[in-house]
Protein backbone atom coordinates (compact mmCIF):
# COMPACT_ATOMS: atom_id res chain seq x y z
CA MET A 1 147.52 97.73 242.71
CA SER A 2 145.95 100.92 244.85
CA GLU A 3 142.95 102.33 243.74
CA LYS A 4 145.24 105.54 243.15
CA GLY A 5 147.22 104.02 241.02
CA CYS A 6 144.83 102.30 238.83
CA CYS A 7 142.85 105.77 238.40
CA ASP A 8 146.09 106.89 237.39
CA SER A 9 147.27 104.36 234.50
CA VAL A 10 143.75 104.87 233.11
CA GLY A 11 144.13 108.66 233.00
CA GLU A 12 147.54 108.48 231.83
CA CYS A 13 146.13 106.46 228.59
CA PHE A 14 142.93 108.57 228.27
CA PHE A 15 145.33 111.63 228.01
CA ASP A 16 147.92 110.16 225.74
CA TYR A 17 148.38 111.94 222.54
CA HIS A 18 149.95 110.59 219.33
CA THR A 19 151.59 113.11 217.03
CA SER A 20 153.37 112.72 213.54
CA LYS A 21 157.17 112.13 213.67
CA ILE A 22 158.79 112.62 210.25
CA LEU A 23 161.99 109.59 209.82
CA VAL A 24 163.67 109.82 206.71
CA ILE A 25 164.89 106.28 205.70
CA ARG A 26 167.92 106.66 203.61
CA SER A 27 167.63 103.24 201.53
CA LYS A 28 167.43 102.16 198.07
CA LYS A 29 165.32 99.17 199.07
CA VAL A 30 162.56 101.40 201.14
CA GLY A 31 163.12 104.31 198.43
CA THR A 32 162.07 102.17 195.51
CA LEU A 33 159.35 100.43 197.03
CA ASN A 34 157.41 103.73 198.16
CA ARG A 35 158.42 105.54 194.82
CA PHE A 36 156.84 102.19 192.96
CA THR A 37 154.01 102.21 195.28
CA GLN A 38 153.22 105.71 194.27
CA ALA A 39 153.42 105.36 190.72
CA LEU A 40 150.80 102.98 190.60
CA VAL A 41 148.48 105.03 192.85
CA ILE A 42 148.93 107.78 190.33
CA ALA A 43 148.59 105.55 187.27
CA TYR A 44 145.51 104.11 188.61
CA VAL A 45 143.94 108.04 189.09
CA ILE A 46 145.06 109.13 185.86
CA GLY A 47 144.79 106.37 183.66
CA TYR A 48 141.85 103.90 184.69
CA VAL A 49 139.57 106.80 186.79
CA CYS A 50 140.37 109.66 184.79
CA VAL A 51 141.16 108.29 181.15
CA LEU A 52 139.22 105.33 180.70
CA LYS A 53 136.66 106.02 183.21
CA LYS A 54 136.32 109.43 182.51
CA GLY A 55 136.06 110.08 186.35
CA TYR A 56 135.61 113.83 185.58
CA GLN A 57 132.19 113.55 184.14
CA ASP A 58 128.66 113.62 185.23
CA THR A 59 126.81 110.74 183.36
CA ASP A 60 123.08 110.17 182.28
CA THR A 61 121.39 107.52 180.43
CA VAL A 62 119.94 107.50 177.48
CA LEU A 63 115.85 107.99 176.80
CA SER A 64 114.69 106.53 173.65
CA SER A 65 111.78 105.63 171.06
CA VAL A 66 112.04 103.51 168.38
CA SER A 67 109.60 102.79 165.08
CA THR A 68 110.34 100.78 162.30
CA LYS A 69 108.95 100.50 158.59
CA VAL A 70 109.41 97.28 156.37
CA LYS A 71 109.53 97.32 152.69
CA GLY A 72 109.66 94.22 150.04
CA ILE A 73 107.24 91.82 147.94
CA ALA A 74 107.21 88.11 148.26
CA LEU A 75 105.77 85.49 145.60
CA THR A 76 104.44 82.39 146.53
CA ASN A 77 102.54 79.03 144.83
CA THR A 78 100.67 76.92 146.76
CA SER A 79 97.95 74.58 146.64
CA GLU A 80 96.10 76.05 149.12
CA LEU A 81 96.32 79.83 147.69
CA GLY A 82 97.26 79.15 144.58
CA GLU A 83 99.85 81.93 142.89
CA ARG A 84 99.98 85.32 145.08
CA ILE A 85 101.92 88.20 145.90
CA TRP A 86 102.58 89.12 149.54
CA ASP A 87 103.18 92.62 150.39
CA VAL A 88 103.83 94.45 153.81
CA ALA A 89 100.37 94.45 154.77
CA ASP A 90 100.28 90.67 154.43
CA TYR A 91 103.49 89.63 156.31
CA ILE A 92 103.96 92.29 158.71
CA ILE A 93 101.85 90.95 162.14
CA PRO A 94 100.72 93.26 163.83
CA PRO A 95 101.30 96.35 161.63
CA GLN A 96 103.20 98.24 164.78
CA GLU A 97 104.34 96.83 168.09
CA ASP A 98 106.59 98.73 170.52
CA GLY A 99 110.26 98.66 169.68
CA SER A 100 109.78 95.27 167.44
CA PHE A 101 108.56 94.20 164.34
CA PHE A 102 107.42 90.59 163.11
CA VAL A 103 107.81 89.43 159.58
CA LEU A 104 106.32 86.00 158.27
CA THR A 105 108.39 83.54 156.84
CA ASN A 106 106.52 80.45 156.68
CA MET A 107 103.17 78.80 157.49
CA ILE A 108 100.97 76.05 157.61
CA ILE A 109 97.28 77.10 155.80
CA THR A 110 94.07 75.41 156.64
CA PRO A 111 91.66 76.85 153.90
CA ASN A 112 87.96 77.11 153.91
CA GLN A 113 87.06 76.08 157.39
CA THR A 114 83.52 76.37 158.50
CA GLN A 115 81.59 75.87 161.72
CA SER A 116 80.92 72.31 161.64
CA LYS A 117 81.32 68.70 162.85
CA CYS A 118 84.46 66.37 162.16
CA ALA A 119 86.75 63.88 163.52
CA GLU A 120 89.16 65.31 166.08
CA ASN A 121 92.73 64.81 165.45
CA PRO A 122 94.16 61.16 166.39
CA THR A 123 95.70 61.73 170.29
CA PRO A 124 96.17 58.96 173.42
CA ALA A 125 93.03 61.43 174.62
CA SER A 126 90.75 61.55 171.40
CA ILE A 127 91.27 58.03 170.07
CA CYS A 128 88.26 55.97 170.58
CA THR A 129 86.34 52.82 169.97
CA SER A 130 82.83 53.40 170.81
CA HIS A 131 80.36 56.35 171.97
CA ARG A 132 81.01 55.62 175.59
CA ASP A 133 84.68 56.90 175.13
CA CYS A 134 83.71 60.34 173.67
CA LYS A 135 81.96 62.33 176.49
CA ARG A 136 79.09 64.65 175.16
CA GLY A 137 80.27 68.48 175.81
CA PHE A 138 83.75 67.87 177.17
CA ASN A 139 86.31 70.49 176.37
CA ASP A 140 89.72 69.63 176.64
CA ALA A 141 91.96 72.57 176.62
CA ARG A 142 94.43 70.96 174.44
CA GLY A 143 91.67 69.57 172.19
CA ASP A 144 89.94 71.04 168.83
CA GLY A 145 86.69 71.60 169.90
CA VAL A 146 83.78 70.61 172.10
CA ARG A 147 83.01 66.53 171.67
CA THR A 148 79.63 65.88 170.43
CA GLY A 149 79.57 62.32 172.10
CA ARG A 150 79.92 60.09 168.97
CA CYS A 151 82.94 58.54 168.19
CA VAL A 152 83.42 58.21 164.42
CA ASP A 153 86.05 57.45 161.45
CA TYR A 154 88.98 59.61 161.37
CA ASN A 155 90.61 57.65 158.73
CA ASP A 156 89.99 53.79 157.40
CA THR A 157 91.87 52.65 160.14
CA VAL A 158 91.54 55.22 163.19
CA LYS A 159 88.47 56.47 164.85
CA SER A 160 88.47 59.32 167.28
CA CYS A 161 85.88 61.71 168.75
CA GLU A 162 83.83 63.97 166.55
CA VAL A 163 83.55 67.72 167.60
CA LEU A 164 81.87 70.78 166.90
CA SER A 165 85.01 73.13 165.66
CA TRP A 166 86.11 74.98 162.53
CA CYS A 167 86.08 71.86 160.12
CA PRO A 168 88.21 70.70 158.41
CA LEU A 169 90.74 70.82 161.51
CA GLU A 170 94.47 72.03 160.95
CA LYS A 171 96.25 69.23 160.31
CA ILE A 172 99.77 68.52 162.46
CA VAL A 173 102.53 68.52 160.16
CA GLU A 174 106.19 70.09 159.92
CA PRO A 175 106.55 73.74 158.38
CA PRO A 176 107.32 73.66 154.71
CA ASN A 177 111.04 73.58 154.09
CA PRO A 178 112.30 75.64 152.62
CA PRO A 179 110.35 78.24 153.67
CA LEU A 180 107.56 79.46 151.44
CA LEU A 181 108.24 83.35 152.25
CA ALA A 182 112.02 82.58 151.27
CA ASP A 183 111.98 86.07 149.68
CA ALA A 184 111.76 87.65 152.91
CA GLU A 185 115.52 87.65 153.26
CA ASN A 186 115.78 90.35 150.75
CA PHE A 187 112.94 92.49 152.65
CA THR A 188 114.46 96.04 154.28
CA VAL A 189 113.69 97.90 157.56
CA LEU A 190 114.12 101.59 158.10
CA ILE A 191 114.87 101.93 161.70
CA LYS A 192 114.10 105.29 163.32
CA ASN A 193 115.79 105.95 166.80
CA SER A 194 115.33 108.74 168.53
CA ILE A 195 117.62 109.53 171.85
CA ARG A 196 117.42 112.20 174.86
CA TYR A 197 119.80 112.77 177.35
CA PRO A 198 117.37 115.28 179.65
CA LYS A 199 120.50 115.83 182.05
CA PHE A 200 122.39 117.45 179.56
CA ASN A 201 119.17 118.75 177.25
CA PHE A 202 121.08 116.67 174.52
CA ASN A 203 118.96 115.28 171.75
CA LYS A 204 119.76 113.04 168.60
CA ARG A 205 118.38 110.77 165.77
CA ASN A 206 119.99 107.98 163.95
CA ILE A 207 119.32 109.66 161.15
CA LEU A 208 122.42 111.88 161.02
CA PRO A 209 122.54 115.33 159.41
CA ASN A 210 124.75 114.01 156.56
CA VAL A 211 121.73 111.53 155.48
CA ASN A 212 119.45 112.97 152.77
CA SER A 213 116.52 111.97 151.26
CA SER A 214 118.09 110.99 148.02
CA TYR A 215 120.96 109.07 150.07
CA LEU A 216 118.06 107.21 151.79
CA THR A 217 116.36 105.88 148.77
CA GLN A 218 119.09 103.84 148.14
CA CYS A 219 121.44 103.12 150.82
CA VAL A 220 121.39 99.76 152.62
CA PHE A 221 123.66 99.06 155.67
CA SER A 222 127.23 98.15 155.39
CA ARG A 223 129.92 98.21 158.08
CA LYS A 224 132.69 99.18 155.19
CA THR A 225 130.44 101.18 152.79
CA ASP A 226 127.27 102.68 154.66
CA PRO A 227 127.65 102.77 158.46
CA ASP A 228 125.40 105.50 159.08
CA CYS A 229 122.47 104.04 156.66
CA PRO A 230 119.36 103.31 158.78
CA ILE A 231 118.14 100.82 156.24
CA PHE A 232 118.95 97.30 156.82
CA ARG A 233 118.37 93.95 154.93
CA LEU A 234 116.78 91.17 157.09
CA LYS A 235 118.88 88.63 155.54
CA ASP A 236 122.08 90.89 156.71
CA ILE A 237 120.80 91.33 160.16
CA VAL A 238 120.79 87.45 160.95
CA GLU A 239 124.13 86.89 159.14
CA GLU A 240 125.92 89.41 161.51
CA ALA A 241 124.53 87.33 163.75
CA ASN A 242 126.14 84.01 162.65
CA GLU A 243 122.84 82.89 161.62
CA ASP A 244 121.32 81.17 158.41
CA PHE A 245 118.18 83.12 157.23
CA GLN A 246 116.75 80.28 155.06
CA THR A 247 117.46 77.93 158.07
CA MET A 248 116.13 80.18 160.60
CA ALA A 249 112.86 80.86 158.29
CA VAL A 250 111.34 77.60 158.89
CA HIS A 251 110.74 77.80 162.50
CA GLY A 252 110.88 81.36 163.05
CA GLY A 253 113.02 82.94 165.93
CA VAL A 254 113.86 86.11 167.56
CA MET A 255 116.58 88.41 166.50
CA GLY A 256 117.77 91.57 168.52
CA VAL A 257 119.05 94.43 166.77
CA GLN A 258 121.06 96.53 169.31
CA ILE A 259 121.82 100.62 169.08
CA LEU A 260 124.44 101.98 171.52
CA TRP A 261 124.71 105.48 172.37
CA ASP A 262 127.86 106.20 173.95
CA CYS A 263 128.65 109.88 173.79
CA ASP A 264 131.28 112.15 175.29
CA LEU A 265 129.28 115.39 175.31
CA ASP A 266 132.64 117.43 175.97
CA MET A 267 133.71 116.51 172.28
CA PRO A 268 131.69 117.61 169.33
CA GLN A 269 127.97 116.32 169.12
CA SER A 270 129.41 114.64 165.23
CA TRP A 271 131.18 111.96 167.14
CA CYS A 272 128.06 111.19 169.05
CA VAL A 273 126.78 108.38 166.65
CA PRO A 274 125.16 104.95 166.98
CA ARG A 275 127.01 101.64 166.74
CA TYR A 276 124.71 98.53 165.84
CA THR A 277 125.19 95.21 166.46
CA PHE A 278 122.92 91.97 166.36
CA ARG A 279 122.30 88.84 167.64
CA ARG A 280 120.03 86.01 168.18
CA LEU A 281 117.82 86.09 171.42
CA ASP A 282 115.92 82.96 171.53
CA ASN A 283 117.05 79.69 172.25
CA LYS A 284 118.97 77.46 169.60
CA ASP A 285 120.05 74.57 172.23
CA PRO A 286 120.43 71.47 169.49
CA GLU A 287 120.21 69.41 172.86
CA ASN A 288 116.97 71.42 173.97
CA ASN A 289 114.85 71.91 170.72
CA VAL A 290 111.46 71.58 172.33
CA ALA A 291 109.26 74.13 170.93
CA PRO A 292 112.05 75.64 168.48
CA GLY A 293 111.47 78.97 166.92
CA TYR A 294 108.55 81.31 166.99
CA ASN A 295 104.85 81.04 165.61
CA PHE A 296 101.50 81.62 166.31
CA ARG A 297 97.94 81.35 164.54
CA PHE A 298 95.57 83.84 162.94
CA ALA A 299 92.31 83.73 160.60
CA LYS A 300 91.13 85.43 157.54
CA TYR A 301 87.11 85.58 157.56
CA TYR A 302 84.84 85.30 154.56
CA LYS A 303 81.46 85.01 154.08
CA ASP A 304 79.47 83.57 151.03
CA SER A 305 76.97 84.70 149.67
CA ASP A 306 74.07 82.77 151.56
CA GLY A 307 75.64 84.23 154.56
CA THR A 308 77.75 81.22 155.45
CA GLU A 309 80.70 82.14 157.10
CA THR A 310 84.38 80.68 156.52
CA ARG A 311 87.70 81.10 157.17
CA THR A 312 91.41 80.47 156.04
CA LEU A 313 93.25 79.39 159.19
CA ILE A 314 97.26 80.20 159.14
CA LYS A 315 99.83 78.83 161.53
CA GLY A 316 102.58 81.59 160.75
CA TYR A 317 106.02 81.10 161.80
CA GLY A 318 108.21 84.21 161.23
CA ILE A 319 111.47 86.26 162.77
CA ARG A 320 110.72 89.00 165.24
CA PHE A 321 113.17 91.55 165.41
CA ASP A 322 113.67 93.63 169.03
CA VAL A 323 115.00 96.69 168.74
CA LEU A 324 117.24 97.24 172.13
CA VAL A 325 118.71 100.52 172.69
CA PHE A 326 121.39 101.21 175.58
CA GLY A 327 123.44 104.14 176.31
CA GLN A 328 125.17 106.63 178.46
CA ALA A 329 126.46 109.96 178.24
CA GLY A 330 129.13 112.07 180.19
CA LYS A 331 129.80 115.30 180.30
CA PHE A 332 132.48 117.35 182.68
CA ASN A 333 131.44 118.42 186.13
CA ILE A 334 133.23 119.65 189.03
CA ILE A 335 131.52 117.60 191.53
CA PRO A 336 132.46 114.29 190.49
CA THR A 337 135.93 115.73 189.41
CA LEU A 338 136.78 116.94 193.11
CA LEU A 339 135.18 113.64 194.43
CA ASN A 340 137.93 111.79 192.33
CA ILE A 341 140.72 114.19 193.32
CA GLY A 342 140.34 113.21 197.00
CA ALA A 343 139.99 109.72 196.67
CA GLY A 344 143.37 109.60 194.65
CA LEU A 345 144.86 111.65 197.34
CA ALA A 346 143.36 109.71 200.07
CA LEU A 347 145.10 106.55 198.30
CA LEU A 348 148.42 108.21 198.12
CA GLY A 349 148.30 108.49 202.19
CA LEU A 350 147.84 104.67 201.98
CA VAL A 351 151.09 104.45 200.66
CA ASN A 352 152.74 105.75 203.51
CA VAL A 353 150.98 103.06 205.74
CA ILE A 354 151.71 100.15 203.32
CA CYS A 355 155.65 101.53 203.44
CA ASP A 356 155.52 101.73 206.89
CA TRP A 357 154.10 98.07 207.68
CA ILE A 358 156.62 96.55 204.75
CA VAL A 359 159.34 98.42 206.79
CA LEU A 360 158.27 97.61 210.50
CA THR A 361 157.77 93.95 209.45
CA PHE A 362 159.65 92.54 206.60
CA MET A 363 163.00 94.73 206.87
CA THR A 364 166.17 93.16 208.29
CA ARG A 365 166.90 95.90 210.67
CA LYS A 366 163.10 96.41 211.57
CA GLN A 367 163.64 96.63 215.03
CA HIS A 368 166.10 99.62 214.82
CA TYR A 369 163.47 101.32 212.66
CA LYS A 370 160.86 100.87 215.26
CA GLU A 371 163.20 102.56 217.78
CA GLN A 372 163.45 105.65 215.63
CA LYS A 373 160.19 105.80 214.35
CA TYR A 374 158.60 105.68 218.05
CA THR A 375 159.53 107.82 220.90
CA TYR A 376 157.61 108.00 224.10
CA VAL A 377 158.10 111.37 225.91
CA ASP A 378 155.93 110.79 229.81
CA ASP A 379 155.43 114.19 230.78
CA TYR A 380 153.35 112.87 233.79
CA GLY A 381 156.85 112.42 235.87
CA LEU A 382 157.83 116.30 235.16
CA LEU A 383 154.82 117.39 236.22
CA SER A 384 154.78 115.84 239.47
CA ASN A 385 158.57 116.62 240.15
CA GLU A 386 157.17 120.70 239.38
CA GLU A 387 155.05 119.87 241.91
CA THR A 388 156.98 118.61 244.66
């Protein structure tokens, strides 16, 4: 091929111009396929994008604050403390947390501890046979105190290293079953939740306008009778999560109180109400039950008349309730509306592409359709003749 011929071919390809040609195919098969595909696109845009997903709305995520107030009284009678009444100041530890609260349900009590010397609890690392086995001043992070260097009797059969610690030491035992504060299942909690959608300048709280003071003093949340009441009985929360309160109270656990605020702000504000769900958050796998539940230690300190400091050590087990707030609000906005309409029109444009591909690839008369679909007009030859 000459250099001139090559340049002409490149020029012809470069200056090709493609324009649409309307080809009307009178075929029941092709027509049905076209209308069916269009119907699918329209159903998707109207049904899914506009109605279900509310594609005509602008959205905002919720900002939230939560405060809680627990009420209830329990009675215990133990050998360590005797008969005792427990109120909110005793079993809510700490008094306030951010979006959660802890209720004491069970405990191991070690009373009258003083700073003194005693035999360490027997473990493979603390059992000894002579003073040489106990290094003076050694401090094991998992031990009970600082060793004095002496090997002493723990009981009639076992010797262990002596430590300087709070004595008598806490015994390594399982928590009481049934739990000491079994009455905690009847405690109630008032959950106050305020939410805001800043983009729409919308505020609301879960104590709804129809709830007055007299109703609030006597209501308890129930899905059937009192779905708007913000006061919950602890047993009801646990049972809604398909758990047994008394079983859970022995070792403790973590519960989630989920509040969902999904609001359509194109509708009346009274329709924007919270939805409550409950679930257990900590692991309750029977095949992996190492360190189950939820517990920690705290102490109450006293001083005798002679100035001797004593304390009561409590290993507390209980249920931690985490209040989790989720939500999204939507309101009509012209920008997302136009964007979704444009996306729908673009999808409708794809219908012709899909139908063309099927017609020109799979139909029995595909060759005939190709001949009718594509027409080539060579204007270069006409120009050459005119010049000559």
